[in-house]
Amino acid sequence: MPMEANEIERLIKVAMPDAEVIITDLAGDGDHYRAQVISEAFRGLSRVRQHQLVYSALGGQVGGVLHALALETMAPETA
């Protein structure tokens, strides 16, 4: 069963309450999404570490229920 966009957003916001999250379904199949995430939690972190925080927030769903997730992450002032 595919993962809903609102569930992806919810999980990210639970881990990063200040996050601005925009989810785009890339293929219309509920399996391939793009997530733009802006959060203070990313300040001073490398892009790899920022992405790790998002993957951690999703609790291991990427690669399973959520087949593919393209990420764009940044701290607020760089948005």
C-alpha atoms as a PDB file:
ATOM      1  CA  MET A   1       0.000   0.000   0.000  1.00  0.00           C
ATOM      2  CA  PRO A   2       1.459   3.390  -0.976  1.00  0.00           C
ATOM      3  CA  MET A   3       2.243   6.077   1.559  1.00  0.00           C
ATOM      4  CA  GLU A   4       0.069   9.191   1.525  1.00  0.00           C
ATOM      5  CA  ALA A   5       1.685  12.615   1.090  1.00  0.00           C
ATOM      6  CA  ASN A   6       0.032  13.922   4.262  1.00  0.00           C
ATOM      7  CA  GLU A   7       1.562  11.057   6.258  1.00  0.00           C
ATOM      8  CA  ILE A   8       5.047  11.945   4.983  1.00  0.00           C
ATOM      9  CA  GLU A   9       4.461  15.554   6.011  1.00  0.00           C
ATOM     10  CA  ARG A  10       3.101  14.516   9.411  1.00  0.00           C
ATOM     11  CA  LEU A  11       6.093  12.311  10.217  1.00  0.00           C
ATOM     12  CA  ILE A  12       8.564  15.031   9.247  1.00  0.00           C
ATOM     13  CA  LYS A  13       6.720  17.634  11.338  1.00  0.00           C
ATOM     14  CA  VAL A  14       6.636  15.331  14.367  1.00  0.00           C
ATOM     15  CA  ALA A  15      10.443  15.185  14.258  1.00  0.00           C
ATOM     16  CA  MET A  16      10.903  18.833  13.226  1.00  0.00           C
ATOM     17  CA  PRO A  17       7.891  20.848  14.447  1.00  0.00           C
ATOM     18  CA  ASP A  18       9.139  24.098  12.881  1.00  0.00           C
ATOM     19  CA  ALA A  19       9.519  22.544   9.433  1.00  0.00           C
ATOM     20  CA  GLU A  20       7.852  23.933   6.358  1.00  0.00           C
ATOM     21  CA  VAL A  21       7.139  20.862   4.235  1.00  0.00           C
ATOM     22  CA  ILE A  22       5.985  20.712   0.612  1.00  0.00           C
ATOM     23  CA  ILE A  23       5.307  17.235  -0.791  1.00  0.00           C
ATOM     24  CA  THR A  24       4.903  16.594  -4.511  1.00  0.00           C
ATOM     25  CA  ASP A  25       3.763  13.232  -5.917  1.00  0.00           C
ATOM     26  CA  LEU A  26       6.122  12.829  -8.882  1.00  0.00           C
ATOM     27  CA  ALA A  27       4.457   9.916 -10.617  1.00  0.00           C
ATOM     28  CA  GLY A  28       0.878   9.991  -9.341  1.00  0.00           C
ATOM     29  CA  ASP A  29       1.342   6.527  -7.856  1.00  0.00           C
ATOM     30  CA  GLY A  30       1.889   7.298  -4.174  1.00  0.00           C
ATOM     31  CA  ASP A  31       5.353   5.729  -4.338  1.00  0.00           C
ATOM     32  CA  HIS A  32       7.541   8.497  -5.776  1.00  0.00           C
ATOM     33  CA  TYR A  33       7.612  11.825  -3.986  1.00  0.00           C
ATOM     34  CA  ARG A  34       9.633  14.995  -3.765  1.00  0.00           C
ATOM     35  CA  ALA A  35       9.881  16.669  -0.369  1.00  0.00           C
ATOM     36  CA  GLN A  36      11.042  20.233   0.143  1.00  0.00           C
ATOM     37  CA  VAL A  37      11.809  20.708   3.817  1.00  0.00           C
ATOM     38  CA  ILE A  38      12.860  23.980   5.436  1.00  0.00           C
ATOM     39  CA  SER A  39      13.818  23.751   9.107  1.00  0.00           C
ATOM     40  CA  GLU A  40      16.025  25.439  11.669  1.00  0.00           C
ATOM     41  CA  ALA A  41      17.196  21.906  12.557  1.00  0.00           C
ATOM     42  CA  PHE A  42      19.295  21.933   9.369  1.00  0.00           C
ATOM     43  CA  ARG A  43      21.345  25.002  10.271  1.00  0.00           C
ATOM     44  CA  GLY A  44      25.073  24.260  10.067  1.00  0.00           C
ATOM     45  CA  LEU A  45      24.573  20.683   8.896  1.00  0.00           C
ATOM     46  CA  SER A  46      25.879  19.158   5.685  1.00  0.00           C
ATOM     47  CA  ARG A  47      23.339  18.234   3.028  1.00  0.00           C
ATOM     48  CA  VAL A  48      23.952  14.545   3.798  1.00  0.00           C
ATOM     49  CA  ARG A  49      23.208  15.057   7.505  1.00  0.00           C
ATOM     50  CA  GLN A  50      20.072  17.069   6.658  1.00  0.00           C
ATOM     51  CA  HIS A  51      18.798  14.204   4.514  1.00  0.00           C
ATOM     52  CA  GLN A  52      19.631  11.701   7.252  1.00  0.00           C
ATOM     53  CA  LEU A  53      17.426  13.669   9.652  1.00  0.00           C
ATOM     54  CA  VAL A  54      14.497  13.469   7.229  1.00  0.00           C
ATOM     55  CA  TYR A  55      15.025   9.745   6.600  1.00  0.00           C
ATOM     56  CA  SER A  56      15.177   9.192  10.362  1.00  0.00           C
ATOM     57  CA  ALA A  57      11.909  11.108  10.787  1.00  0.00           C
ATOM     58  CA  LEU A  58      10.283   8.750   8.297  1.00  0.00           C
ATOM     59  CA  GLY A  59      11.194   5.775  10.460  1.00  0.00           C
ATOM     60  CA  GLY A  60      12.647   3.508   7.805  1.00  0.00           C
ATOM     61  CA  GLN A  61       9.719   3.880   5.387  1.00  0.00           C
ATOM     62  CA  VAL A  62      11.962   5.011   2.486  1.00  0.00           C
ATOM     63  CA  GLY A  63      12.754   2.028   0.309  1.00  0.00           C
ATOM     64  CA  GLY A  64       9.791   0.127   1.718  1.00  0.00           C
ATOM     65  CA  VAL A  65       6.273   1.558   1.763  1.00  0.00           C
ATOM     66  CA  LEU A  66       7.723   4.771   0.352  1.00  0.00           C
ATOM     67  CA  HIS A  67       9.592   3.603  -2.736  1.00  0.00           C
ATOM     68  CA  ALA A  68      11.425   6.821  -3.649  1.00  0.00           C
ATOM     69  CA  LEU A  69      11.856  10.241  -2.083  1.00  0.00           C
ATOM     70  CA  ALA A  70      13.779  13.100  -3.689  1.00  0.00           C
ATOM     71  CA  LEU A  71      14.796  15.613  -1.032  1.00  0.00           C
ATOM     72  CA  GLU A  72      15.504  19.317  -1.059  1.00  0.00           C
ATOM     73  CA  THR A  73      16.471  20.534   2.398  1.00  0.00           C
ATOM     74  CA  MET A  74      17.606  23.894   3.740  1.00  0.00           C
ATOM     75  CA  ALA A  75      17.698  26.173   6.766  1.00  0.00           C
ATOM     76  CA  PRO A  76      15.199  29.069   6.759  1.00  0.00           C
ATOM     77  CA  GLU A  77      17.422  31.944   5.671  1.00  0.00           C
ATOM     78  CA  THR A  78      18.610  30.084   2.573  1.00  0.00           C
ATOM     79  CA  ALA A  79      15.061  29.435   1.371  1.00  0.00           C
END
